[in-house]
C-alpha atoms as a PDB file:
ATOM      1  CA  MET A   1       0.112   0.082  -0.174  1.00  0.00           C
ATOM      2  CA  THR A   2       1.413   3.432  -1.035  1.00  0.00           C
ATOM      3  CA  ASN A   3       1.682   5.941   1.783  1.00  0.00           C
ATOM      4  CA  HIS A   4       0.923   9.233   0.239  1.00  0.00           C
ATOM      5  CA  GLN A   5       1.632  12.334   2.040  1.00  0.00           C
ATOM      6  CA  PRO A   6       0.246  16.155   1.757  1.00  0.00           C
ATOM      7  CA  LEU A   7       1.317  17.899  -1.108  1.00  0.00           C
ATOM      8  CA  GLY A   8       0.997  21.428   1.416  1.00  0.00           C
ATOM      9  CA  ASP A   9       4.668  21.961   1.793  1.00  0.00           C
ATOM     10  CA  ILE A  10       5.737  22.036  -1.659  1.00  0.00           C
ATOM     11  CA  ASP A  11       6.903  24.880  -3.069  1.00  0.00           C
ATOM     12  CA  LEU A  12       7.806  25.154  -6.678  1.00  0.00           C
ATOM     13  CA  ARG A  13       8.531  29.142  -6.207  1.00  0.00           C
ATOM     14  CA  ASN A  14      11.547  29.695  -3.516  1.00  0.00           C
ATOM     15  CA  LEU A  15      14.167  30.080  -5.934  1.00  0.00           C
ATOM     16  CA  ASP A  16      16.726  30.017  -3.227  1.00  0.00           C
ATOM     17  CA  ARG A  17      16.066  26.401  -2.594  1.00  0.00           C
ATOM     18  CA  TRP A  18      16.537  25.692  -6.944  1.00  0.00           C
ATOM     19  CA  ALA A  19      19.913  28.293  -6.460  1.00  0.00           C
ATOM     20  CA  ALA A  20      21.167  26.106  -3.369  1.00  0.00           C
ATOM     21  CA  GLU A  21      20.216  22.572  -3.855  1.00  0.00           C
ATOM     22  CA  GLY A  22      19.110  22.295  -7.492  1.00  0.00           C
ATOM     23  CA  PRO A  23      15.953  21.257  -8.921  1.00  0.00           C
ATOM     24  CA  PRO A  24      13.976  19.746  -6.111  1.00  0.00           C
ATOM     25  CA  HIS A  25      13.984  16.074  -7.222  1.00  0.00           C
ATOM     26  CA  ASP A  26      12.003  14.402  -4.213  1.00  0.00           C
ATOM     27  CA  PHE A  27       9.488  17.247  -4.746  1.00  0.00           C
ATOM     28  CA  PHE A  28       8.910  16.086  -8.601  1.00  0.00           C
ATOM     29  CA  ALA A  29       9.102  12.404  -7.415  1.00  0.00           C
ATOM     30  CA  ARG A  30       6.376  12.689  -4.678  1.00  0.00           C
ATOM     31  CA  LEU A  31       4.182  14.670  -7.473  1.00  0.00           C
ATOM     32  CA  ARG A  32       4.949  11.819  -9.772  1.00  0.00           C
ATOM     33  CA  GLU A  33       3.365   9.555  -7.375  1.00  0.00           C
ATOM     34  CA  ASP A  34       0.597  11.414  -5.714  1.00  0.00           C
ATOM     35  CA  SER A  35      -0.742  13.662  -8.210  1.00  0.00           C
ATOM     36  CA  PRO A  36       1.224  14.224 -11.441  1.00  0.00           C
ATOM     37  CA  LEU A  37      -1.397  16.786 -12.766  1.00  0.00           C
ATOM     38  CA  TRP A  38      -1.374  19.320  -9.685  1.00  0.00           C
ATOM     39  CA  ARG A  39      -2.411  22.975  -9.528  1.00  0.00           C
ATOM     40  CA  HIS A  40       0.629  24.668  -7.452  1.00  0.00           C
ATOM     41  CA  PRO A  41      -1.043  27.298  -5.208  1.00  0.00           C
ATOM     42  CA  GLY A  42      -0.486  30.700  -5.977  1.00  0.00           C
ATOM     43  CA  VAL A  43       0.951  33.028  -3.226  1.00  0.00           C
ATOM     44  CA  ASP A  44       0.268  37.088  -2.949  1.00  0.00           C
ATOM     45  CA  GLY A  45      -2.479  37.516  -5.231  1.00  0.00           C
ATOM     46  CA  SER A  46      -0.840  35.242  -8.094  1.00  0.00           C
ATOM     47  CA  PRO A  47      -3.415  32.810  -9.931  1.00  0.00           C
ATOM     48  CA  GLY A  48      -1.051  29.675  -9.195  1.00  0.00           C
ATOM     49  CA  PHE A  49      -0.158  27.477 -12.154  1.00  0.00           C
ATOM     50  CA  TRP A  50      -0.192  23.181 -13.611  1.00  0.00           C
ATOM     51  CA  VAL A  51       2.545  21.232 -12.530  1.00  0.00           C
ATOM     52  CA  VAL A  52       2.713  18.386 -15.149  1.00  0.00           C
ATOM     53  CA  SER A  53       5.399  15.767 -13.843  1.00  0.00           C
ATOM     54  CA  GLY A  54       3.859  12.444 -14.893  1.00  0.00           C
ATOM     55  CA  TYR A  55       5.241  11.052 -18.475  1.00  0.00           C
ATOM     56  CA  GLU A  56       1.782  10.195 -19.677  1.00  0.00           C
ATOM     57  CA  GLN A  57       0.270  13.421 -18.652  1.00  0.00           C
ATOM     58  CA  VAL A  58       2.816  15.151 -20.483  1.00  0.00           C
ATOM     59  CA  SER A  59       2.911  13.530 -23.218  1.00  0.00           C
ATOM     60  CA  VAL A  60      -0.709  13.835 -23.513  1.00  0.00           C
ATOM     61  CA  LEU A  61      -0.659  17.201 -22.955  1.00  0.00           C
ATOM     62  CA  GLY A  62       2.130  17.953 -25.165  1.00  0.00           C
ATOM     63  CA  ARG A  63       0.125  17.232 -27.987  1.00  0.00           C
ATOM     64  CA  CYS A  64      -3.140  19.194 -27.285  1.00  0.00           C
ATOM     65  CA  PRO A  65      -2.117  23.179 -27.706  1.00  0.00           C
ATOM     66  CA  HIS A  66      -5.775  23.696 -27.558  1.00  0.00           C
ATOM     67  CA  ALA A  67      -5.587  22.097 -23.951  1.00  0.00           C
ATOM     68  CA  LEU A  68      -2.089  23.595 -22.800  1.00  0.00           C
ATOM     69  CA  SER A  69      -1.686  26.418 -24.583  1.00  0.00           C
ATOM     70  CA  SER A  70       1.539  28.682 -25.172  1.00  0.00           C
ATOM     71  CA  ASP A  71      -0.395  31.537 -26.575  1.00  0.00           C
ATOM     72  CA  ALA A  72      -0.315  34.545 -24.191  1.00  0.00           C
ATOM     73  CA  GLY A  73      -3.917  35.416 -25.233  1.00  0.00           C
ATOM     74  CA  ASN A  74      -4.628  32.068 -23.722  1.00  0.00           C
ATOM     75  CA  GLY A  75      -2.724  32.551 -20.470  1.00  0.00           C
ATOM     76  CA  GLY A  76       0.192  30.965 -22.077  1.00  0.00           C
ATOM     77  CA  VAL A  77       3.940  31.407 -20.929  1.00  0.00           C
ATOM     78  CA  THR A  78       3.717  33.829 -18.420  1.00  0.00           C
ATOM     79  CA  GLY A  79       5.230  34.982 -15.338  1.00  0.00           C
ATOM     80  CA  LEU A  80       4.665  33.660 -11.785  1.00  0.00           C
ATOM     81  CA  GLY A  81       2.628  36.257 -10.875  1.00  0.00           C
ATOM     82  CA  PRO A  82       4.074  39.583  -8.239  1.00  0.00           C
ATOM     83  CA  GLY A  83       7.691  39.458  -7.380  1.00  0.00           C
ATOM     84  CA  ASP A  84       8.412  38.205 -10.994  1.00  0.00           C
ATOM     85  CA  GLU A  85      11.679  39.948 -11.705  1.00  0.00           C
ATOM     86  CA  LEU A  86      11.897  38.251 -15.256  1.00  0.00           C
ATOM     87  CA  GLN A  87       8.432  38.914 -16.127  1.00  0.00           C
ATOM     88  CA  ALA A  88       8.467  42.715 -15.133  1.00  0.00           C
ATOM     89  CA  ALA A  89      12.087  43.073 -17.030  1.00  0.00           C
ATOM     90  CA  PHE A  90      10.250  41.617 -20.002  1.00  0.00           C
ATOM     91  CA  ASP A  91       7.043  43.825 -19.251  1.00  0.00           C
ATOM     92  CA  ALA A  92       9.523  46.933 -19.197  1.00  0.00           C
ATOM     93  CA  ALA A  93      10.842  46.077 -22.493  1.00  0.00           C
ATOM     94  CA  GLU A  94       7.429  45.350 -24.599  1.00  0.00           C
ATOM     95  CA  GLU A  95       6.135  48.687 -23.281  1.00  0.00           C
ATOM     96  CA  GLU A  96       9.298  50.977 -23.749  1.00  0.00           C
ATOM     97  CA  LEU A  97      11.462  49.517 -26.383  1.00  0.00           C
ATOM     98  CA  PHE A  98       9.332  47.092 -29.055  1.00  0.00           C
ATOM     99  CA  GLY A  99       5.842  48.527 -28.509  1.00  0.00           C
ATOM    100  CA  ALA A 100       7.194  52.334 -28.997  1.00  0.00           C
ATOM    101  CA  THR A 101       9.421  51.610 -32.079  1.00  0.00           C
ATOM    102  CA  LEU A 102       8.155  48.324 -33.830  1.00  0.00           C
ATOM    103  CA  GLY A 103       4.374  47.951 -32.791  1.00  0.00           C
ATOM    104  CA  ASN A 104       2.359  45.540 -30.427  1.00  0.00           C
ATOM    105  CA  ASP A 105       3.153  42.455 -32.141  1.00  0.00           C
ATOM    106  CA  VAL A 106       5.140  41.106 -29.371  1.00  0.00           C
ATOM    107  CA  LYS A 107       4.989  37.381 -29.484  1.00  0.00           C
ATOM    108  CA  MET A 108       7.974  34.439 -30.184  1.00  0.00           C
ATOM    109  CA  LEU A 109       7.985  31.037 -31.170  1.00  0.00           C
ATOM    110  CA  LEU A 110       7.542  30.552 -27.294  1.00  0.00           C
ATOM    111  CA  SER A 111       4.153  32.079 -26.970  1.00  0.00           C
ATOM    112  CA  LEU A 112       2.767  30.384 -30.131  1.00  0.00           C
ATOM    113  CA  ASP A 113       0.724  27.570 -31.011  1.00  0.00           C
ATOM    114  CA  PRO A 114       0.438  25.263 -33.848  1.00  0.00           C
ATOM    115  CA  PRO A 115      -0.448  25.916 -36.883  1.00  0.00           C
ATOM    116  CA  GLU A 116       1.444  29.317 -36.624  1.00  0.00           C
ATOM    117  CA  HIS A 117       4.340  28.150 -34.496  1.00  0.00           C
ATOM    118  CA  THR A 118       4.830  25.221 -37.077  1.00  0.00           C
ATOM    119  CA  GLU A 119       4.917  27.848 -39.509  1.00  0.00           C
ATOM    120  CA  TYR A 120       7.863  30.205 -38.240  1.00  0.00           C
ATOM    121  CA  ARG A 121       9.474  27.085 -37.461  1.00  0.00           C
ATOM    122  CA  LYS A 122       9.708  25.962 -40.968  1.00  0.00           C
ATOM    123  CA  VAL A 123      11.504  29.193 -41.653  1.00  0.00           C
ATOM    124  CA  LEU A 124      15.072  27.755 -40.442  1.00  0.00           C
ATOM    125  CA  ASN A 125      14.384  24.161 -39.852  1.00  0.00           C
ATOM    126  CA  ARG A 126      16.278  23.039 -43.290  1.00  0.00           C
ATOM    127  CA  LEU A 127      19.202  24.771 -41.559  1.00  0.00           C
ATOM    128  CA  PHE A 128      18.878  22.406 -38.691  1.00  0.00           C
ATOM    129  CA  THR A 129      18.628  19.081 -40.224  1.00  0.00           C
ATOM    130  CA  PRO A 130      21.469  16.377 -39.213  1.00  0.00           C
ATOM    131  CA  GLY A 131      22.707  16.453 -42.316  1.00  0.00           C
ATOM    132  CA  ALA A 132      22.868  20.683 -42.039  1.00  0.00           C
ATOM    133  CA  VAL A 133      24.484  20.188 -38.295  1.00  0.00           C
ATOM    134  CA  SER A 134      27.143  17.635 -39.304  1.00  0.00           C
ATOM    135  CA  GLU A 135      28.129  20.355 -41.696  1.00  0.00           C
ATOM    136  CA  LEU A 136      29.038  22.664 -38.651  1.00  0.00           C
ATOM    137  CA  THR A 137      31.057  20.168 -36.636  1.00  0.00           C
ATOM    138  CA  PRO A 138      34.560  21.404 -37.973  1.00  0.00           C
ATOM    139  CA  THR A 139      33.874  25.018 -37.182  1.00  0.00           C
ATOM    140  CA  VAL A 140      32.338  24.185 -34.192  1.00  0.00           C
ATOM    141  CA  THR A 141      35.726  22.043 -33.066  1.00  0.00           C
ATOM    142  CA  ASP A 142      38.070  24.789 -34.035  1.00  0.00           C
ATOM    143  CA  LEU A 143      36.152  27.223 -31.916  1.00  0.00           C
ATOM    144  CA  ALA A 144      36.434  24.918 -29.098  1.00  0.00           C
ATOM    145  CA  ARG A 145      39.799  23.951 -29.321  1.00  0.00           C
ATOM    146  CA  SER A 146      41.006  27.515 -29.684  1.00  0.00           C
ATOM    147  CA  LEU A 147      38.612  28.111 -26.600  1.00  0.00           C
ATOM    148  CA  LEU A 148      40.424  25.695 -24.615  1.00  0.00           C
ATOM    149  CA  ASP A 149      44.103  26.456 -25.512  1.00  0.00           C
ATOM    150  CA  ARG A 150      43.331  29.866 -24.136  1.00  0.00           C
ATOM    151  CA  LEU A 151      42.164  28.560 -20.758  1.00  0.00           C
ATOM    152  CA  ASP A 152      44.491  27.693 -17.468  1.00  0.00           C
ATOM    153  CA  ASP A 153      44.597  24.317 -16.164  1.00  0.00           C
ATOM    154  CA  VAL A 154      42.202  24.931 -13.294  1.00  0.00           C
ATOM    155  CA  ILE A 155      38.908  26.264 -14.716  1.00  0.00           C
ATOM    156  CA  ASP A 156      35.364  27.033 -14.127  1.00  0.00           C
ATOM    157  CA  PHE A 157      33.837  24.974 -16.709  1.00  0.00           C
ATOM    158  CA  THR A 158      30.106  26.884 -16.956  1.00  0.00           C
ATOM    159  CA  THR A 159      31.853  30.215 -17.024  1.00  0.00           C
ATOM    160  CA  ASP A 160      35.050  29.707 -18.913  1.00  0.00           C
ATOM    161  CA  VAL A 161      33.945  27.288 -21.465  1.00  0.00           C
ATOM    162  CA  ALA A 162      29.676  26.730 -21.294  1.00  0.00           C
ATOM    163  CA  MET A 163      28.782  30.167 -21.787  1.00  0.00           C
ATOM    164  CA  PRO A 164      30.993  31.611 -24.601  1.00  0.00           C
ATOM    165  CA  LEU A 165      31.256  28.447 -26.917  1.00  0.00           C
ATOM    166  CA  PRO A 166      27.437  28.426 -27.479  1.00  0.00           C
ATOM    167  CA  MET A 167      27.357  32.141 -28.153  1.00  0.00           C
ATOM    168  CA  GLN A 168      30.083  31.827 -30.430  1.00  0.00           C
ATOM    169  CA  VAL A 169      28.331  29.262 -32.661  1.00  0.00           C
ATOM    170  CA  ILE A 170      25.413  31.268 -32.291  1.00  0.00           C
ATOM    171  CA  GLY A 171      27.113  34.282 -33.469  1.00  0.00           C
ATOM    172  CA  ASP A 172      29.002  32.760 -36.473  1.00  0.00           C
ATOM    173  CA  LEU A 173      25.520  31.001 -37.581  1.00  0.00           C
ATOM    174  CA  LEU A 174      24.207  34.865 -37.281  1.00  0.00           C
ATOM    175  CA  GLY A 175      26.714  36.081 -39.764  1.00  0.00           C
ATOM    176  CA  ALA A 176      27.462  38.719 -36.713  1.00  0.00           C
ATOM    177  CA  PRO A 177      31.201  39.613 -36.796  1.00  0.00           C
ATOM    178  CA  ARG A 178      33.283  37.574 -34.482  1.00  0.00           C
ATOM    179  CA  GLU A 179      34.516  41.254 -32.221  1.00  0.00           C
ATOM    180  CA  THR A 180      30.859  41.505 -31.377  1.00  0.00           C
ATOM    181  CA  HIS A 181      30.730  37.415 -29.940  1.00  0.00           C
ATOM    182  CA  GLN A 182      31.487  38.481 -26.735  1.00  0.00           C
ATOM    183  CA  ASP A 183      29.307  41.539 -26.412  1.00  0.00           C
ATOM    184  CA  LEU A 184      26.649  39.015 -27.609  1.00  0.00           C
ATOM    185  CA  LEU A 185      27.393  36.855 -24.852  1.00  0.00           C
ATOM    186  CA  ARG A 186      27.062  39.782 -22.475  1.00  0.00           C
ATOM    187  CA  TRP A 187      23.339  41.737 -23.718  1.00  0.00           C
ATOM    188  CA  SER A 188      21.687  38.061 -23.564  1.00  0.00           C
ATOM    189  CA  ASN A 189      22.866  37.381 -20.553  1.00  0.00           C
ATOM    190  CA  GLU A 190      21.555  40.395 -18.897  1.00  0.00           C
ATOM    191  CA  ALA A 191      18.385  40.812 -21.202  1.00  0.00           C
ATOM    192  CA  VAL A 192      17.286  37.654 -18.999  1.00  0.00           C
ATOM    193  CA  ALA A 193      18.631  38.712 -15.880  1.00  0.00           C
ATOM    194  CA  GLY A 194      16.214  40.477 -14.202  1.00  0.00           C
ATOM    195  CA  THR A 195      17.634  41.878 -11.544  1.00  0.00           C
ATOM    196  CA  ASP A 196      20.124  39.535 -10.919  1.00  0.00           C
ATOM    197  CA  PRO A 197      23.303  40.895  -9.549  1.00  0.00           C
ATOM    198  CA  GLU A 198      25.408  38.419 -10.953  1.00  0.00           C
ATOM    199  CA  TYR A 199      24.680  39.361 -14.579  1.00  0.00           C
ATOM    200  CA  LEU A 200      23.752  43.233 -14.264  1.00  0.00           C
ATOM    201  CA  PRO A 201      26.720  45.574 -13.234  1.00  0.00           C
ATOM    202  CA  ASP A 202      25.659  48.680 -11.040  1.00  0.00           C
ATOM    203  CA  GLY A 203      23.083  50.534 -13.211  1.00  0.00           C
ATOM    204  CA  GLY A 204      22.627  48.269 -15.763  1.00  0.00           C
ATOM    205  CA  SER A 205      19.068  47.124 -17.011  1.00  0.00           C
ATOM    206  CA  SER A 206      17.482  43.940 -18.917  1.00  0.00           C
ATOM    207  CA  LEU A 207      15.909  46.524 -21.195  1.00  0.00           C
ATOM    208  CA  ALA A 208      19.488  48.621 -21.819  1.00  0.00           C
ATOM    209  CA  ALA A 209      20.449  45.085 -23.072  1.00  0.00           C
ATOM    210  CA  ALA A 210      17.582  44.085 -25.070  1.00  0.00           C
ATOM    211  CA  MET A 211      18.188  47.733 -27.120  1.00  0.00           C
ATOM    212  CA  SER A 212      21.506  46.900 -27.603  1.00  0.00           C
ATOM    213  CA  LEU A 213      20.936  43.465 -28.957  1.00  0.00           C
ATOM    214  CA  ALA A 214      18.514  45.193 -31.126  1.00  0.00           C
ATOM    215  CA  GLN A 215      20.726  47.508 -32.408  1.00  0.00           C
ATOM    216  CA  LEU A 216      22.897  45.001 -33.525  1.00  0.00           C
ATOM    217  CA  PHE A 217      19.820  42.718 -35.216  1.00  0.00           C
ATOM    218  CA  ALA A 218      18.824  45.948 -37.014  1.00  0.00           C
ATOM    219  CA  VAL A 219      22.433  46.344 -38.489  1.00  0.00           C
ATOM    220  CA  LEU A 220      22.534  42.758 -39.376  1.00  0.00           C
ATOM    221  CA  ARG A 221      18.927  42.846 -41.090  1.00  0.00           C
ATOM    222  CA  MET A 222      20.089  46.184 -43.528  1.00  0.00           C
ATOM    223  CA  GLU A 223      23.641  44.396 -44.113  1.00  0.00           C
ATOM    224  CA  ARG A 224      21.593  41.051 -45.694  1.00  0.00           C
ATOM    225  CA  GLU A 225      18.669  42.923 -47.001  1.00  0.00           C
ATOM    226  CA  ALA A 226      21.658  44.534 -49.334  1.00  0.00           C
ATOM    227  CA  ASN A 227      23.810  41.205 -49.388  1.00  0.00           C
ATOM    228  CA  PRO A 228      21.997  38.082 -48.873  1.00  0.00           C
ATOM    229  CA  THR A 229      24.340  35.049 -47.179  1.00  0.00           C
ATOM    230  CA  GLY A 230      23.767  31.417 -46.396  1.00  0.00           C
ATOM    231  CA  ASP A 231      23.473  32.820 -42.871  1.00  0.00           C
ATOM    232  CA  LEU A 232      20.285  32.462 -40.210  1.00  0.00           C
ATOM    233  CA  VAL A 233      19.296  36.596 -40.735  1.00  0.00           C
ATOM    234  CA  SER A 234      19.043  35.611 -44.594  1.00  0.00           C
ATOM    235  CA  ALA A 235      17.267  32.703 -43.963  1.00  0.00           C
ATOM    236  CA  LEU A 236      14.686  34.827 -41.960  1.00  0.00           C
ATOM    237  CA  LEU A 237      14.380  37.574 -44.388  1.00  0.00           C
ATOM    238  CA  ALA A 238      13.592  34.848 -47.124  1.00  0.00           C
ATOM    239  CA  GLY A 239      11.288  33.311 -45.084  1.00  0.00           C
ATOM    240  CA  ARG A 240       7.676  33.205 -45.452  1.00  0.00           C
ATOM    241  CA  ILE A 241       4.620  33.056 -42.992  1.00  0.00           C
ATOM    242  CA  ASN A 242       1.725  32.370 -45.311  1.00  0.00           C
ATOM    243  CA  GLY A 243       3.067  33.551 -47.977  1.00  0.00           C
ATOM    244  CA  GLU A 244       3.947  37.147 -46.058  1.00  0.00           C
ATOM    245  CA  PRO A 245       7.553  38.253 -44.898  1.00  0.00           C
ATOM    246  CA  MET A 246       8.217  37.850 -41.712  1.00  0.00           C
ATOM    247  CA  SER A 247       7.262  41.817 -39.570  1.00  0.00           C
ATOM    248  CA  GLY A 248       9.691  43.851 -38.011  1.00  0.00           C
ATOM    249  CA  LEU A 249       8.855  42.937 -34.706  1.00  0.00           C
ATOM    250  CA  ARG A 250       8.561  39.092 -35.232  1.00  0.00           C
ATOM    251  CA  PHE A 251      12.154  38.995 -36.559  1.00  0.00           C
ATOM    252  CA  MET A 252      13.225  40.884 -34.021  1.00  0.00           C
ATOM    253  CA  MET A 253      11.708  38.393 -31.201  1.00  0.00           C
ATOM    254  CA  TYR A 254      13.103  35.330 -33.492  1.00  0.00           C
ATOM    255  CA  MET A 255      16.370  36.918 -33.366  1.00  0.00           C
ATOM    256  CA  LEU A 256      15.933  37.596 -29.418  1.00  0.00           C
ATOM    257  CA  LEU A 257      15.408  34.175 -28.778  1.00  0.00           C
ATOM    258  CA  LEU A 258      17.956  32.351 -30.786  1.00  0.00           C
ATOM    259  CA  THR A 259      20.354  34.390 -28.657  1.00  0.00           C
ATOM    260  CA  THR A 260      19.039  34.263 -25.622  1.00  0.00           C
ATOM    261  CA  ALA A 261      17.116  31.007 -25.314  1.00  0.00           C
ATOM    262  CA  GLY A 262      19.622  28.657 -27.519  1.00  0.00           C
ATOM    263  CA  ASN A 263      22.922  29.841 -25.769  1.00  0.00           C
ATOM    264  CA  GLU A 264      21.173  29.350 -22.178  1.00  0.00           C
ATOM    265  CA  THR A 265      19.832  25.779 -22.844  1.00  0.00           C
ATOM    266  CA  THR A 266      22.868  24.659 -24.671  1.00  0.00           C
ATOM    267  CA  ARG A 267      25.150  26.158 -21.430  1.00  0.00           C
ATOM    268  CA  ASN A 268      22.741  24.260 -19.040  1.00  0.00           C
ATOM    269  CA  ALA A 269      23.092  20.928 -20.926  1.00  0.00           C
ATOM    270  CA  MET A 270      26.608  21.453 -21.172  1.00  0.00           C
ATOM    271  CA  SER A 271      27.213  22.333 -17.879  1.00  0.00           C
ATOM    272  CA  HIS A 272      24.734  19.523 -16.302  1.00  0.00           C
ATOM    273  CA  GLY A 273      26.831  16.775 -18.583  1.00  0.00           C
ATOM    274  CA  VAL A 274      30.454  17.807 -17.136  1.00  0.00           C
ATOM    275  CA  TRP A 275      28.618  17.539 -14.037  1.00  0.00           C
ATOM    276  CA  ALA A 276      27.059  14.232 -14.938  1.00  0.00           C
ATOM    277  CA  LEU A 277      30.587  12.867 -16.084  1.00  0.00           C
ATOM    278  CA  ARG A 278      32.184  13.911 -12.688  1.00  0.00           C
ATOM    279  CA  ASN A 279      29.641  12.968 -10.090  1.00  0.00           C
ATOM    280  CA  THR A 280      27.418  10.039 -11.665  1.00  0.00           C
ATOM    281  CA  GLN A 281      28.384   6.950 -10.544  1.00  0.00           C
ATOM    282  CA  ASN A 282      28.407   3.872 -13.687  1.00  0.00           C
ATOM    283  CA  ASN A 283      27.802   5.849 -16.420  1.00  0.00           C
ATOM    284  CA  GLY A 284      27.998   2.518 -18.145  1.00  0.00           C
ATOM    285  CA  ASN A 285      28.781   3.089 -22.148  1.00  0.00           C
ATOM    286  CA  ALA A 286      28.202   7.125 -21.802  1.00  0.00           C
ATOM    287  CA  CYS A 287      32.005   7.464 -22.640  1.00  0.00           C
ATOM    288  CA  GLU A 288      35.223   5.774 -23.610  1.00  0.00           C
ATOM    289  CA  ARG A 289      39.064   7.409 -23.420  1.00  0.00           C
ATOM    290  CA  THR A 290      40.380   7.302 -26.848  1.00  0.00           C
ATOM    291  CA  ASP A 291      43.732   8.418 -26.006  1.00  0.00           C
ATOM    292  CA  ARG A 292      45.061   9.945 -22.717  1.00  0.00           C
ATOM    293  CA  SER A 293      43.531  13.065 -23.547  1.00  0.00           C
ATOM    294  CA  SER A 294      40.390  12.527 -25.532  1.00  0.00           C
ATOM    295  CA  ILE A 295      37.299  11.093 -24.173  1.00  0.00           C
ATOM    296  CA  ARG A 296      34.864  10.040 -26.820  1.00  0.00           C
ATOM    297  CA  LEU A 297      31.001  10.766 -25.667  1.00  0.00           C
ATOM    298  CA  SER A 298      28.230   8.521 -26.910  1.00  0.00           C
ATOM    299  CA  LYS A 299      24.833   9.949 -28.659  1.00  0.00           C
ATOM    300  CA  ARG A 300      23.002   7.996 -25.638  1.00  0.00           C
ATOM    301  CA  PHE A 301      24.888  10.261 -23.036  1.00  0.00           C
ATOM    302  CA  PHE A 302      23.757  13.315 -25.328  1.00  0.00           C
ATOM    303  CA  GLY A 303      20.356  12.402 -25.236  1.00  0.00           C
ATOM    304  CA  GLY A 304      20.041  11.817 -21.683  1.00  0.00           C
ATOM    305  CA  ARG A 305      21.349  14.951 -20.760  1.00  0.00           C
ATOM    306  CA  VAL A 306      19.178  17.148 -22.471  1.00  0.00           C
ATOM    307  CA  ARG A 307      16.363  14.917 -20.878  1.00  0.00           C
ATOM    308  CA  CYS A 308      17.390  14.996 -17.562  1.00  0.00           C
ATOM    309  CA  CYS A 309      18.845  18.135 -16.587  1.00  0.00           C
ATOM    310  CA  THR A 310      16.662  21.660 -16.793  1.00  0.00           C
ATOM    311  CA  SER A 311      18.021  23.282 -19.825  1.00  0.00           C
ATOM    312  CA  ALA A 312      15.976  26.625 -19.011  1.00  0.00           C
ATOM    313  CA  ALA A 313      15.882  27.690 -15.997  1.00  0.00           C
ATOM    314  CA  THR A 314      16.194  31.483 -14.865  1.00  0.00           C
ATOM    315  CA  ARG A 315      16.593  33.264 -11.838  1.00  0.00           C
END
């Protein structure tokens, strides 16, 4: 007989716990056992939110956008209510930057449902097929080796490798000059930082970082409109949504997602992967040593890292 425990002590809004102890796996284990579809209570006037932790429930709802919508007009991707610093920063950017200069159609892929979401994904799909991605291997390898060659023997892997490397790759894919890659990394960190002092310097703001990104994106857009290449910016400009070119604001939001979410998710997956190799016992066939200085990781290991780590967790 299963001993069901009360769920009243579960608080997934406690970001201090996430920062100090990592994901609360014990909470999620109890929810999967007792209430795989659970309504988290609200705090300080917020409405609360659904927590879906069971495999069957996630599988079903993931295929039902009419039931679990990403569209902000249907509730969609929102903040956690009063006190959510990231939501406050986004609201300020929406009102002061995008709404004032480019209109009020502030949506990115994260806040679209099919079939609209599918149409926007199609614009870049052909550039991320397995064959197209495999062609990037020499470039990514050279970037990684160049980065590692400049490091000391003792490093902070997240700060020294997992943060800069994905943005260097993304910057190349966008066609951004390599001398701008460090700025892209800094601005993307600050744009999603809320009020996190680790990423926002004194006097800095997420809005200012978003504006800096928007200015760079505008320059790249003008250059590619005059001289298209094979980069992502050119593909976005050439793409059509229901036969029409992408609006200026949707282009900006797409670029913002590529540089922030694309960087953060890869950074977190890489960091979790190294942590797992260092701390998890019985990695099985996850890796094999090819010589004294090289380790070959299996595809199975990479797939497992993406599935078991939280690739987009923002404080």
